[in-house]
Amino acid sequence: LGVYMTRVQKAYAFDKMFAVIVFVSAIS
């Protein structure tokens, strides 16, 4: 997930980045 988050951040896909943050929070 960290690698995927870095990739979407570099692509300026901030909606996907926030989606990953929500997903990580849900897992925790």
mmCIF file of all heavy atoms, coordinates in Angstrom:
data_MODEL
# 
_entry.id   MODEL 
# 
loop_
_atom_site.group_PDB 
_atom_site.id 
_atom_site.type_symbol 
_atom_site.label_atom_id 
_atom_site.label_alt_id 
_atom_site.label_comp_id 
_atom_site.label_asym_id 
_atom_site.label_entity_id 
_atom_site.label_seq_id 
_atom_site.pdbx_PDB_ins_code 
_atom_site.Cartn_x 
_atom_site.Cartn_y 
_atom_site.Cartn_z 
_atom_site.occupancy 
_atom_site.B_iso_or_equiv 
_atom_site.pdbx_formal_charge 
_atom_site.auth_seq_id 
_atom_site.auth_comp_id 
_atom_site.auth_asym_id 
_atom_site.auth_atom_id 
_atom_site.pdbx_PDB_model_num 
ATOM 1   N N   . LEU A 1 1  ? 0.818   -1.214 0.000   1.00 0.00 ? 1  LEU A N   1 
ATOM 2   C CA  . LEU A 1 1  ? 0.000   0.000  0.000   1.00 0.00 ? 1  LEU A CA  1 
ATOM 3   C C   . LEU A 1 1  ? 0.851   1.264  0.000   1.00 0.00 ? 1  LEU A C   1 
ATOM 4   O O   . LEU A 1 1  ? 0.475   2.273  -0.589  1.00 0.00 ? 1  LEU A O   1 
ATOM 5   C CB  . LEU A 1 1  ? -0.941  -0.007 1.215   1.00 0.00 ? 1  LEU A CB  1 
ATOM 6   C CG  . LEU A 1 1  ? -2.084  -1.026 1.169   1.00 0.00 ? 1  LEU A CG  1 
ATOM 7   C CD1 . LEU A 1 1  ? -2.804  -1.086 2.508   1.00 0.00 ? 1  LEU A CD1 1 
ATOM 8   C CD2 . LEU A 1 1  ? -3.079  -0.674 0.063   1.00 0.00 ? 1  LEU A CD2 1 
ATOM 9   N N   . GLY A 1 2  ? 2.011   1.218  0.679   1.00 0.00 ? 2  GLY A N   1 
ATOM 10  C CA  . GLY A 1 2  ? 2.906   2.373  0.697   1.00 0.00 ? 2  GLY A CA  1 
ATOM 11  C C   . GLY A 1 2  ? 3.467   2.678  -0.680  1.00 0.00 ? 2  GLY A C   1 
ATOM 12  O O   . GLY A 1 2  ? 3.558   3.846  -1.092  1.00 0.00 ? 2  GLY A O   1 
ATOM 13  N N   . VAL A 1 3  ? 3.851   1.627  -1.415  1.00 0.00 ? 3  VAL A N   1 
ATOM 14  C CA  . VAL A 1 3  ? 4.362   1.779  -2.781  1.00 0.00 ? 3  VAL A CA  1 
ATOM 15  C C   . VAL A 1 3  ? 3.264   2.321  -3.691  1.00 0.00 ? 3  VAL A C   1 
ATOM 16  O O   . VAL A 1 3  ? 3.491   3.237  -4.494  1.00 0.00 ? 3  VAL A O   1 
ATOM 17  C CB  . VAL A 1 3  ? 4.892   0.428  -3.320  1.00 0.00 ? 3  VAL A CB  1 
ATOM 18  C CG1 . VAL A 1 3  ? 5.326   0.553  -4.782  1.00 0.00 ? 3  VAL A CG1 1 
ATOM 19  C CG2 . VAL A 1 3  ? 6.054   -0.067 -2.470  1.00 0.00 ? 3  VAL A CG2 1 
ATOM 20  N N   . TYR A 1 4  ? 2.056   1.765  -3.550  1.00 0.00 ? 4  TYR A N   1 
ATOM 21  C CA  . TYR A 1 4  ? 0.910   2.214  -4.359  1.00 0.00 ? 4  TYR A CA  1 
ATOM 22  C C   . TYR A 1 4  ? 0.581   3.685  -4.054  1.00 0.00 ? 4  TYR A C   1 
ATOM 23  O O   . TYR A 1 4  ? 0.309   4.469  -4.972  1.00 0.00 ? 4  TYR A O   1 
ATOM 24  C CB  . TYR A 1 4  ? -0.295  1.327  -4.070  1.00 0.00 ? 4  TYR A CB  1 
ATOM 25  C CG  . TYR A 1 4  ? -1.546  1.712  -4.825  1.00 0.00 ? 4  TYR A CG  1 
ATOM 26  C CD1 . TYR A 1 4  ? -1.620  1.554  -6.202  1.00 0.00 ? 4  TYR A CD1 1 
ATOM 27  C CD2 . TYR A 1 4  ? -2.652  2.243  -4.148  1.00 0.00 ? 4  TYR A CD2 1 
ATOM 28  C CE1 . TYR A 1 4  ? -2.767  1.914  -6.893  1.00 0.00 ? 4  TYR A CE1 1 
ATOM 29  C CE2 . TYR A 1 4  ? -3.788  2.599  -4.836  1.00 0.00 ? 4  TYR A CE2 1 
ATOM 30  C CZ  . TYR A 1 4  ? -3.851  2.429  -6.206  1.00 0.00 ? 4  TYR A CZ  1 
ATOM 31  O OH  . TYR A 1 4  ? -4.989  2.795  -6.896  1.00 0.00 ? 4  TYR A OH  1 
ATOM 32  N N   . MET A 1 5  ? 0.643   4.052  -2.774  1.00 0.00 ? 5  MET A N   1 
ATOM 33  C CA  . MET A 1 5  ? 0.364   5.439  -2.386  1.00 0.00 ? 5  MET A CA  1 
ATOM 34  C C   . MET A 1 5  ? 1.387   6.392  -3.014  1.00 0.00 ? 5  MET A C   1 
ATOM 35  O O   . MET A 1 5  ? 1.029   7.485  -3.475  1.00 0.00 ? 5  MET A O   1 
ATOM 36  C CB  . MET A 1 5  ? 0.396   5.557  -0.861  1.00 0.00 ? 5  MET A CB  1 
ATOM 37  C CG  . MET A 1 5  ? -0.074  6.913  -0.346  1.00 0.00 ? 5  MET A CG  1 
ATOM 38  S SD  . MET A 1 5  ? 0.046   7.047  1.461   1.00 0.00 ? 5  MET A SD  1 
ATOM 39  C CE  . MET A 1 5  ? -1.311  6.009  1.961   1.00 0.00 ? 5  MET A CE  1 
ATOM 40  N N   . THR A 1 6  ? 2.652   5.985  -3.037  1.00 0.00 ? 6  THR A N   1 
ATOM 41  C CA  . THR A 1 6  ? 3.704   6.813  -3.654  1.00 0.00 ? 6  THR A CA  1 
ATOM 42  C C   . THR A 1 6  ? 3.451   7.001  -5.142  1.00 0.00 ? 6  THR A C   1 
ATOM 43  O O   . THR A 1 6  ? 3.632   8.100  -5.680  1.00 0.00 ? 6  THR A O   1 
ATOM 44  C CB  . THR A 1 6  ? 5.085   6.153  -3.436  1.00 0.00 ? 6  THR A CB  1 
ATOM 45  O OG1 . THR A 1 6  ? 5.277   5.914  -2.042  1.00 0.00 ? 6  THR A OG1 1 
ATOM 46  C CG2 . THR A 1 6  ? 6.206   7.037  -3.934  1.00 0.00 ? 6  THR A CG2 1 
ATOM 47  N N   . ARG A 1 7  ? 3.011   5.942  -5.798  1.00 0.00 ? 7  ARG A N   1 
ATOM 48  C CA  . ARG A 1 7  ? 2.756   6.015  -7.247  1.00 0.00 ? 7  ARG A CA  1 
ATOM 49  C C   . ARG A 1 7  ? 1.604   6.960  -7.573  1.00 0.00 ? 7  ARG A C   1 
ATOM 50  O O   . ARG A 1 7  ? 1.706   7.781  -8.483  1.00 0.00 ? 7  ARG A O   1 
ATOM 51  C CB  . ARG A 1 7  ? 2.449   4.610  -7.791  1.00 0.00 ? 7  ARG A CB  1 
ATOM 52  C CG  . ARG A 1 7  ? 3.668   3.715  -7.873  1.00 0.00 ? 7  ARG A CG  1 
ATOM 53  C CD  . ARG A 1 7  ? 3.288   2.297  -8.240  1.00 0.00 ? 7  ARG A CD  1 
ATOM 54  N NE  . ARG A 1 7  ? 4.445   1.402  -8.227  1.00 0.00 ? 7  ARG A NE  1 
ATOM 55  C CZ  . ARG A 1 7  ? 4.360   0.080  -8.263  1.00 0.00 ? 7  ARG A CZ  1 
ATOM 56  N NH1 . ARG A 1 7  ? 3.166   -0.514 -8.310  1.00 0.00 ? 7  ARG A NH1 1 
ATOM 57  N NH2 . ARG A 1 7  ? 5.461   -0.655 -8.255  1.00 0.00 ? 7  ARG A NH2 1 
ATOM 58  N N   . VAL A 1 8  ? 0.495   6.865  -6.831  1.00 0.00 ? 8  VAL A N   1 
ATOM 59  C CA  . VAL A 1 8  ? -0.662  7.732  -7.119  1.00 0.00 ? 8  VAL A CA  1 
ATOM 60  C C   . VAL A 1 8  ? -0.362  9.180  -6.732  1.00 0.00 ? 8  VAL A C   1 
ATOM 61  O O   . VAL A 1 8  ? -0.887  10.115 -7.346  1.00 0.00 ? 8  VAL A O   1 
ATOM 62  C CB  . VAL A 1 8  ? -1.952  7.227  -6.421  1.00 0.00 ? 8  VAL A CB  1 
ATOM 63  C CG1 . VAL A 1 8  ? -2.343  5.851  -6.946  1.00 0.00 ? 8  VAL A CG1 1 
ATOM 64  C CG2 . VAL A 1 8  ? -1.827  7.206  -4.908  1.00 0.00 ? 8  VAL A CG2 1 
ATOM 65  N N   . GLN A 1 9  ? 0.506   9.356  -5.728  1.00 0.00 ? 9  GLN A N   1 
ATOM 66  C CA  . GLN A 1 9  ? 0.906   10.713 -5.342  1.00 0.00 ? 9  GLN A CA  1 
ATOM 67  C C   . GLN A 1 9  ? 1.715   11.370 -6.459  1.00 0.00 ? 9  GLN A C   1 
ATOM 68  O O   . GLN A 1 9  ? 1.501   12.543 -6.787  1.00 0.00 ? 9  GLN A O   1 
ATOM 69  C CB  . GLN A 1 9  ? 1.726   10.671 -4.051  1.00 0.00 ? 9  GLN A CB  1 
ATOM 70  C CG  . GLN A 1 9  ? 2.124   12.053 -3.538  1.00 0.00 ? 9  GLN A CG  1 
ATOM 71  C CD  . GLN A 1 9  ? 3.043   11.976 -2.333  1.00 0.00 ? 9  GLN A CD  1 
ATOM 72  O OE1 . GLN A 1 9  ? 3.546   10.912 -2.011  1.00 0.00 ? 9  GLN A OE1 1 
ATOM 73  N NE2 . GLN A 1 9  ? 3.264   13.095 -1.686  1.00 0.00 ? 9  GLN A NE2 1 
ATOM 74  N N   . LYS A 1 10 ? 2.631   10.601 -7.045  1.00 0.00 ? 10 LYS A N   1 
ATOM 75  C CA  . LYS A 1 10 ? 3.452   11.127 -8.134  1.00 0.00 ? 10 LYS A CA  1 
ATOM 76  C C   . LYS A 1 10 ? 2.609   11.417 -9.383  1.00 0.00 ? 10 LYS A C   1 
ATOM 77  O O   . LYS A 1 10 ? 2.970   12.266 -10.195 1.00 0.00 ? 10 LYS A O   1 
ATOM 78  C CB  . LYS A 1 10 ? 4.576   10.142 -8.476  1.00 0.00 ? 10 LYS A CB  1 
ATOM 79  C CG  . LYS A 1 10 ? 5.673   10.098 -7.415  1.00 0.00 ? 10 LYS A CG  1 
ATOM 80  C CD  . LYS A 1 10 ? 6.750   9.096  -7.755  1.00 0.00 ? 10 LYS A CD  1 
ATOM 81  C CE  . LYS A 1 10 ? 7.836   9.082  -6.683  1.00 0.00 ? 10 LYS A CE  1 
ATOM 82  N NZ  . LYS A 1 10 ? 8.876   8.059  -6.961  1.00 0.00 ? 10 LYS A NZ  1 
ATOM 83  N N   . ALA A 1 11 ? 1.482   10.688 -9.514  1.00 0.00 ? 11 ALA A N   1 
ATOM 84  C CA  . ALA A 1 11 ? 0.575   10.916 -10.639 1.00 0.00 ? 11 ALA A CA  1 
ATOM 85  C C   . ALA A 1 11 ? -0.445  12.015 -10.331 1.00 0.00 ? 11 ALA A C   1 
ATOM 86  O O   . ALA A 1 11 ? -1.324  12.292 -11.159 1.00 0.00 ? 11 ALA A O   1 
ATOM 87  C CB  . ALA A 1 11 ? -0.160  9.620  -10.984 1.00 0.00 ? 11 ALA A CB  1 
ATOM 88  N N   . TYR A 1 12 ? -0.331  12.641 -9.152  1.00 0.00 ? 12 TYR A N   1 
ATOM 89  C CA  . TYR A 1 12 ? -1.246  13.699 -8.689  1.00 0.00 ? 12 TYR A CA  1 
ATOM 90  C C   . TYR A 1 12 ? -2.702  13.224 -8.633  1.00 0.00 ? 12 TYR A C   1 
ATOM 91  O O   . TYR A 1 12 ? -3.620  14.016 -8.808  1.00 0.00 ? 12 TYR A O   1 
ATOM 92  C CB  . TYR A 1 12 ? -1.126  14.951 -9.581  1.00 0.00 ? 12 TYR A CB  1 
ATOM 93  C CG  . TYR A 1 12 ? 0.232   15.594 -9.499  1.00 0.00 ? 12 TYR A CG  1 
ATOM 94  C CD1 . TYR A 1 12 ? 1.192   15.351 -10.482 1.00 0.00 ? 12 TYR A CD1 1 
ATOM 95  C CD2 . TYR A 1 12 ? 0.578   16.410 -8.438  1.00 0.00 ? 12 TYR A CD2 1 
ATOM 96  C CE1 . TYR A 1 12 ? 2.462   15.917 -10.407 1.00 0.00 ? 12 TYR A CE1 1 
ATOM 97  C CE2 . TYR A 1 12 ? 1.840   16.986 -8.344  1.00 0.00 ? 12 TYR A CE2 1 
ATOM 98  C CZ  . TYR A 1 12 ? 2.778   16.724 -9.340  1.00 0.00 ? 12 TYR A CZ  1 
ATOM 99  O OH  . TYR A 1 12 ? 4.033   17.287 -9.253  1.00 0.00 ? 12 TYR A OH  1 
ATOM 100 N N   . ALA A 1 13 ? -2.880  11.919 -8.403  1.00 0.00 ? 13 ALA A N   1 
ATOM 101 C CA  . ALA A 1 13 ? -4.237  11.354 -8.248  1.00 0.00 ? 13 ALA A CA  1 
ATOM 102 C C   . ALA A 1 13 ? -4.578  11.375 -6.759  1.00 0.00 ? 13 ALA A C   1 
ATOM 103 O O   . ALA A 1 13 ? -4.553  10.349 -6.085  1.00 0.00 ? 13 ALA A O   1 
ATOM 104 C CB  . ALA A 1 13 ? -4.289  9.944  -8.813  1.00 0.00 ? 13 ALA A CB  1 
ATOM 105 N N   . PHE A 1 14 ? -4.895  12.567 -6.245  1.00 0.00 ? 14 PHE A N   1 
ATOM 106 C CA  . PHE A 1 14 ? -5.090  12.724 -4.805  1.00 0.00 ? 14 PHE A CA  1 
ATOM 107 C C   . PHE A 1 14 ? -6.351  12.036 -4.294  1.00 0.00 ? 14 PHE A C   1 
ATOM 108 O O   . PHE A 1 14 ? -6.437  11.691 -3.123  1.00 0.00 ? 14 PHE A O   1 
ATOM 109 C CB  . PHE A 1 14 ? -5.101  14.210 -4.433  1.00 0.00 ? 14 PHE A CB  1 
ATOM 110 C CG  . PHE A 1 14 ? -3.772  14.887 -4.644  1.00 0.00 ? 14 PHE A CG  1 
ATOM 111 C CD1 . PHE A 1 14 ? -3.641  15.940 -5.512  1.00 0.00 ? 14 PHE A CD1 1 
ATOM 112 C CD2 . PHE A 1 14 ? -2.643  14.427 -3.986  1.00 0.00 ? 14 PHE A CD2 1 
ATOM 113 C CE1 . PHE A 1 14 ? -2.410  16.547 -5.719  1.00 0.00 ? 14 PHE A CE1 1 
ATOM 114 C CE2 . PHE A 1 14 ? -1.409  15.026 -4.169  1.00 0.00 ? 14 PHE A CE2 1 
ATOM 115 C CZ  . PHE A 1 14 ? -1.290  16.086 -5.049  1.00 0.00 ? 14 PHE A CZ  1 
ATOM 116 N N   . ASP A 1 15 ? -7.343  11.846 -5.175  1.00 0.00 ? 15 ASP A N   1 
ATOM 117 C CA  . ASP A 1 15 ? -8.543  11.100 -4.765  1.00 0.00 ? 15 ASP A CA  1 
ATOM 118 C C   . ASP A 1 15 ? -8.173  9.648  -4.436  1.00 0.00 ? 15 ASP A C   1 
ATOM 119 O O   . ASP A 1 15 ? -8.644  9.084  -3.443  1.00 0.00 ? 15 ASP A O   1 
ATOM 120 C CB  . ASP A 1 15 ? -9.621  11.166 -5.851  1.00 0.00 ? 15 ASP A CB  1 
ATOM 121 C CG  . ASP A 1 15 ? -9.118  10.723 -7.217  1.00 0.00 ? 15 ASP A CG  1 
ATOM 122 O OD1 . ASP A 1 15 ? -7.884  10.665 -7.419  1.00 0.00 ? 15 ASP A OD1 1 
ATOM 123 O OD2 . ASP A 1 15 ? -9.965  10.426 -8.082  1.00 0.00 ? 15 ASP A OD2 1 
ATOM 124 N N   . LYS A 1 16 ? -7.273  9.068  -5.242  1.00 0.00 ? 16 LYS A N   1 
ATOM 125 C CA  . LYS A 1 16 ? -6.818  7.697  -4.984  1.00 0.00 ? 16 LYS A CA  1 
ATOM 126 C C   . LYS A 1 16 ? -5.958  7.643  -3.718  1.00 0.00 ? 16 LYS A C   1 
ATOM 127 O O   . LYS A 1 16 ? -6.006  6.675  -2.963  1.00 0.00 ? 16 LYS A O   1 
ATOM 128 C CB  . LYS A 1 16 ? -6.020  7.163  -6.175  1.00 0.00 ? 16 LYS A CB  1 
ATOM 129 C CG  . LYS A 1 16 ? -6.865  6.928  -7.422  1.00 0.00 ? 16 LYS A CG  1 
ATOM 130 C CD  . LYS A 1 16 ? -6.013  6.410  -8.562  1.00 0.00 ? 16 LYS A CD  1 
ATOM 131 C CE  . LYS A 1 16 ? -6.862  6.213  -9.820  1.00 0.00 ? 16 LYS A CE  1 
ATOM 132 N NZ  . LYS A 1 16 ? -6.037  5.745  -10.957 1.00 0.00 ? 16 LYS A NZ  1 
ATOM 133 N N   . MET A 1 17 ? -5.170  8.698  -3.508  1.00 0.00 ? 17 MET A N   1 
ATOM 134 C CA  . MET A 1 17 ? -4.318  8.742  -2.314  1.00 0.00 ? 17 MET A CA  1 
ATOM 135 C C   . MET A 1 17 ? -5.163  8.781  -1.045  1.00 0.00 ? 17 MET A C   1 
ATOM 136 O O   . MET A 1 17 ? -4.888  8.066  -0.072  1.00 0.00 ? 17 MET A O   1 
ATOM 137 C CB  . MET A 1 17 ? -3.393  9.943  -2.376  1.00 0.00 ? 17 MET A CB  1 
ATOM 138 C CG  . MET A 1 17 ? -2.201  9.832  -1.438  1.00 0.00 ? 17 MET A CG  1 
ATOM 139 S SD  . MET A 1 17 ? -1.000  11.120 -1.713  1.00 0.00 ? 17 MET A SD  1 
ATOM 140 C CE  . MET A 1 17 ? -1.459  12.258 -0.430  1.00 0.00 ? 17 MET A CE  1 
ATOM 141 N N   . PHE A 1 18 ? -6.216  9.608  -1.053  1.00 0.00 ? 18 PHE A N   1 
ATOM 142 C CA  . PHE A 1 18 ? -7.120  9.665  0.096   1.00 0.00 ? 18 PHE A CA  1 
ATOM 143 C C   . PHE A 1 18 ? -7.843  8.333  0.286   1.00 0.00 ? 18 PHE A C   1 
ATOM 144 O O   . PHE A 1 18 ? -8.108  7.919  1.410   1.00 0.00 ? 18 PHE A O   1 
ATOM 145 C CB  . PHE A 1 18 ? -8.133  10.798 -0.085  1.00 0.00 ? 18 PHE A CB  1 
ATOM 146 C CG  . PHE A 1 18 ? -7.652  12.128 0.421   1.00 0.00 ? 18 PHE A CG  1 
ATOM 147 C CD1 . PHE A 1 18 ? -6.880  12.954 -0.376  1.00 0.00 ? 18 PHE A CD1 1 
ATOM 148 C CD2 . PHE A 1 18 ? -7.944  12.555 1.711   1.00 0.00 ? 18 PHE A CD2 1 
ATOM 149 C CE1 . PHE A 1 18 ? -6.423  14.182 0.086   1.00 0.00 ? 18 PHE A CE1 1 
ATOM 150 C CE2 . PHE A 1 18 ? -7.498  13.773 2.195   1.00 0.00 ? 18 PHE A CE2 1 
ATOM 151 C CZ  . PHE A 1 18 ? -6.731  14.588 1.380   1.00 0.00 ? 18 PHE A CZ  1 
ATOM 152 N N   . ALA A 1 19 ? -8.158  7.667  -0.826  1.00 0.00 ? 19 ALA A N   1 
ATOM 153 C CA  . ALA A 1 19 ? -8.816  6.353  -0.752  1.00 0.00 ? 19 ALA A CA  1 
ATOM 154 C C   . ALA A 1 19 ? -7.911  5.335  -0.054  1.00 0.00 ? 19 ALA A C   1 
ATOM 155 O O   . ALA A 1 19 ? -8.378  4.528  0.759   1.00 0.00 ? 19 ALA A O   1 
ATOM 156 C CB  . ALA A 1 19 ? -9.179  5.865  -2.155  1.00 0.00 ? 19 ALA A CB  1 
ATOM 157 N N   . VAL A 1 20 ? -6.609  5.395  -0.344  1.00 0.00 ? 20 VAL A N   1 
ATOM 158 C CA  . VAL A 1 20 ? -5.643  4.498  0.314   1.00 0.00 ? 20 VAL A CA  1 
ATOM 159 C C   . VAL A 1 20 ? -5.567  4.809  1.808   1.00 0.00 ? 20 VAL A C   1 
ATOM 160 O O   . VAL A 1 20 ? -5.502  3.893  2.638   1.00 0.00 ? 20 VAL A O   1 
ATOM 161 C CB  . VAL A 1 20 ? -4.238  4.611  -0.326  1.00 0.00 ? 20 VAL A CB  1 
ATOM 162 C CG1 . VAL A 1 20 ? -3.254  3.699  0.393   1.00 0.00 ? 20 VAL A CG1 1 
ATOM 163 C CG2 . VAL A 1 20 ? -4.278  4.249  -1.794  1.00 0.00 ? 20 VAL A CG2 1 
ATOM 164 N N   . ILE A 1 21 ? -5.589  6.095  2.155   1.00 0.00 ? 21 ILE A N   1 
ATOM 165 C CA  . ILE A 1 21 ? -5.549  6.500  3.572   1.00 0.00 ? 21 ILE A CA  1 
ATOM 166 C C   . ILE A 1 21 ? -6.754  5.928  4.313   1.00 0.00 ? 21 ILE A C   1 
ATOM 167 O O   . ILE A 1 21 ? -6.617  5.380  5.421   1.00 0.00 ? 21 ILE A O   1 
ATOM 168 C CB  . ILE A 1 21 ? -5.502  8.041  3.698   1.00 0.00 ? 21 ILE A CB  1 
ATOM 169 C CG1 . ILE A 1 21 ? -4.173  8.581  3.184   1.00 0.00 ? 21 ILE A CG1 1 
ATOM 170 C CG2 . ILE A 1 21 ? -5.703  8.463  5.156   1.00 0.00 ? 21 ILE A CG2 1 
ATOM 171 C CD1 . ILE A 1 21 ? -4.126  10.082 3.010   1.00 0.00 ? 21 ILE A CD1 1 
ATOM 172 N N   . VAL A 1 22 ? -7.936  6.035  3.704   1.00 0.00 ? 22 VAL A N   1 
ATOM 173 C CA  . VAL A 1 22 ? -9.161  5.479  4.300   1.00 0.00 ? 22 VAL A CA  1 
ATOM 174 C C   . VAL A 1 22 ? -9.035  3.966  4.442   1.00 0.00 ? 22 VAL A C   1 
ATOM 175 O O   . VAL A 1 22 ? -9.417  3.385  5.470   1.00 0.00 ? 22 VAL A O   1 
ATOM 176 C CB  . VAL A 1 22 ? -10.397 5.850  3.441   1.00 0.00 ? 22 VAL A CB  1 
ATOM 177 C CG1 . VAL A 1 22 ? -11.644 5.119  3.939   1.00 0.00 ? 22 VAL A CG1 1 
ATOM 178 C CG2 . VAL A 1 22 ? -10.631 7.352  3.455   1.00 0.00 ? 22 VAL A CG2 1 
ATOM 179 N N   . PHE A 1 23 ? -8.478  3.325  3.415   1.00 0.00 ? 23 PHE A N   1 
ATOM 180 C CA  . PHE A 1 23 ? -8.319  1.869  3.418   1.00 0.00 ? 23 PHE A CA  1 
ATOM 181 C C   . PHE A 1 23 ? -7.376  1.422  4.539   1.00 0.00 ? 23 PHE A C   1 
ATOM 182 O O   . PHE A 1 23 ? -7.662  0.456  5.252   1.00 0.00 ? 23 PHE A O   1 
ATOM 183 C CB  . PHE A 1 23 ? -7.779  1.426  2.054   1.00 0.00 ? 23 PHE A CB  1 
ATOM 184 C CG  . PHE A 1 23 ? -7.803  -0.059 1.831   1.00 0.00 ? 23 PHE A CG  1 
ATOM 185 C CD1 . PHE A 1 23 ? -8.996  -0.728 1.626   1.00 0.00 ? 23 PHE A CD1 1 
ATOM 186 C CD2 . PHE A 1 23 ? -6.630  -0.792 1.827   1.00 0.00 ? 23 PHE A CD2 1 
ATOM 187 C CE1 . PHE A 1 23 ? -9.026  -2.096 1.425   1.00 0.00 ? 23 PHE A CE1 1 
ATOM 188 C CE2 . PHE A 1 23 ? -6.645  -2.163 1.630   1.00 0.00 ? 23 PHE A CE2 1 
ATOM 189 C CZ  . PHE A 1 23 ? -7.851  -2.816 1.424   1.00 0.00 ? 23 PHE A CZ  1 
ATOM 190 N N   . VAL A 1 24 ? -6.246  2.127  4.708   1.00 0.00 ? 24 VAL A N   1 
ATOM 191 C CA  . VAL A 1 24 ? -5.283  1.809  5.778   1.00 0.00 ? 24 VAL A CA  1 
ATOM 192 C C   . VAL A 1 24 ? -5.925  1.995  7.149   1.00 0.00 ? 24 VAL A C   1 
ATOM 193 O O   . VAL A 1 24 ? -5.748  1.166  8.055   1.00 0.00 ? 24 VAL A O   1 
ATOM 194 C CB  . VAL A 1 24 ? -4.012  2.696  5.644   1.00 0.00 ? 24 VAL A CB  1 
ATOM 195 C CG1 . VAL A 1 24 ? -3.124  2.562  6.880   1.00 0.00 ? 24 VAL A CG1 1 
ATOM 196 C CG2 . VAL A 1 24 ? -3.233  2.333  4.397   1.00 0.00 ? 24 VAL A CG2 1 
ATOM 197 N N   . SER A 1 25 ? -6.702  3.071  7.305   1.00 0.00 ? 25 SER A N   1 
ATOM 198 C CA  . SER A 1 25 ? -7.406  3.319  8.574   1.00 0.00 ? 25 SER A CA  1 
ATOM 199 C C   . SER A 1 25 ? -8.398  2.200  8.877   1.00 0.00 ? 25 SER A C   1 
ATOM 200 O O   . SER A 1 25 ? -8.505  1.752  10.029  1.00 0.00 ? 25 SER A O   1 
ATOM 201 C CB  . SER A 1 25 ? -8.145  4.660  8.521   1.00 0.00 ? 25 SER A CB  1 
ATOM 202 O OG  . SER A 1 25 ? -7.253  5.724  8.334   1.00 0.00 ? 25 SER A OG  1 
ATOM 203 N N   . ALA A 1 26 ? -9.098  1.741  7.835   1.00 0.00 ? 26 ALA A N   1 
ATOM 204 C CA  . ALA A 1 26 ? -10.078 0.658  8.005   1.00 0.00 ? 26 ALA A CA  1 
ATOM 205 C C   . ALA A 1 26 ? -9.398  -0.634 8.451   1.00 0.00 ? 26 ALA A C   1 
ATOM 206 O O   . ALA A 1 26 ? -9.896  -1.340 9.344   1.00 0.00 ? 26 ALA A O   1 
ATOM 207 C CB  . ALA A 1 26 ? -10.844 0.435  6.699   1.00 0.00 ? 26 ALA A CB  1 
ATOM 208 N N   . ILE A 1 27 ? -8.245  -0.950 7.849   1.00 0.00 ? 27 ILE A N   1 
ATOM 209 C CA  . ILE A 1 27 ? -7.497  -2.155 8.232   1.00 0.00 ? 27 ILE A CA  1 
ATOM 210 C C   . ILE A 1 27 ? -7.035  -2.058 9.688   1.00 0.00 ? 27 ILE A C   1 
ATOM 211 O O   . ILE A 1 27 ? -7.155  -3.028 10.454  1.00 0.00 ? 27 ILE A O   1 
ATOM 212 C CB  . ILE A 1 27 ? -6.277  -2.363 7.301   1.00 0.00 ? 27 ILE A CB  1 
ATOM 213 C CG1 . ILE A 1 27 ? -6.734  -2.719 5.891   1.00 0.00 ? 27 ILE A CG1 1 
ATOM 214 C CG2 . ILE A 1 27 ? -5.375  -3.473 7.839   1.00 0.00 ? 27 ILE A CG2 1 
ATOM 215 C CD1 . ILE A 1 27 ? -5.617  -2.760 4.869   1.00 0.00 ? 27 ILE A CD1 1 
ATOM 216 N N   . SER A 1 28 ? -6.527  -0.901 10.073  1.00 0.00 ? 28 SER A N   1 
ATOM 217 C CA  . SER A 1 28 ? -6.062  -0.695 11.456  1.00 0.00 ? 28 SER A CA  1 
ATOM 218 C C   . SER A 1 28 ? -7.210  -0.871 12.451  1.00 0.00 ? 28 SER A C   1 
ATOM 219 O O   . SER A 1 28 ? -7.038  -1.502 13.504  1.00 0.00 ? 28 SER A O   1 
ATOM 220 C CB  . SER A 1 28 ? -5.448  0.697  11.607  1.00 0.00 ? 28 SER A CB  1 
ATOM 221 O OG  . SER A 1 28 ? -4.310  0.841  10.788  1.00 0.00 ? 28 SER A OG  1 
# 
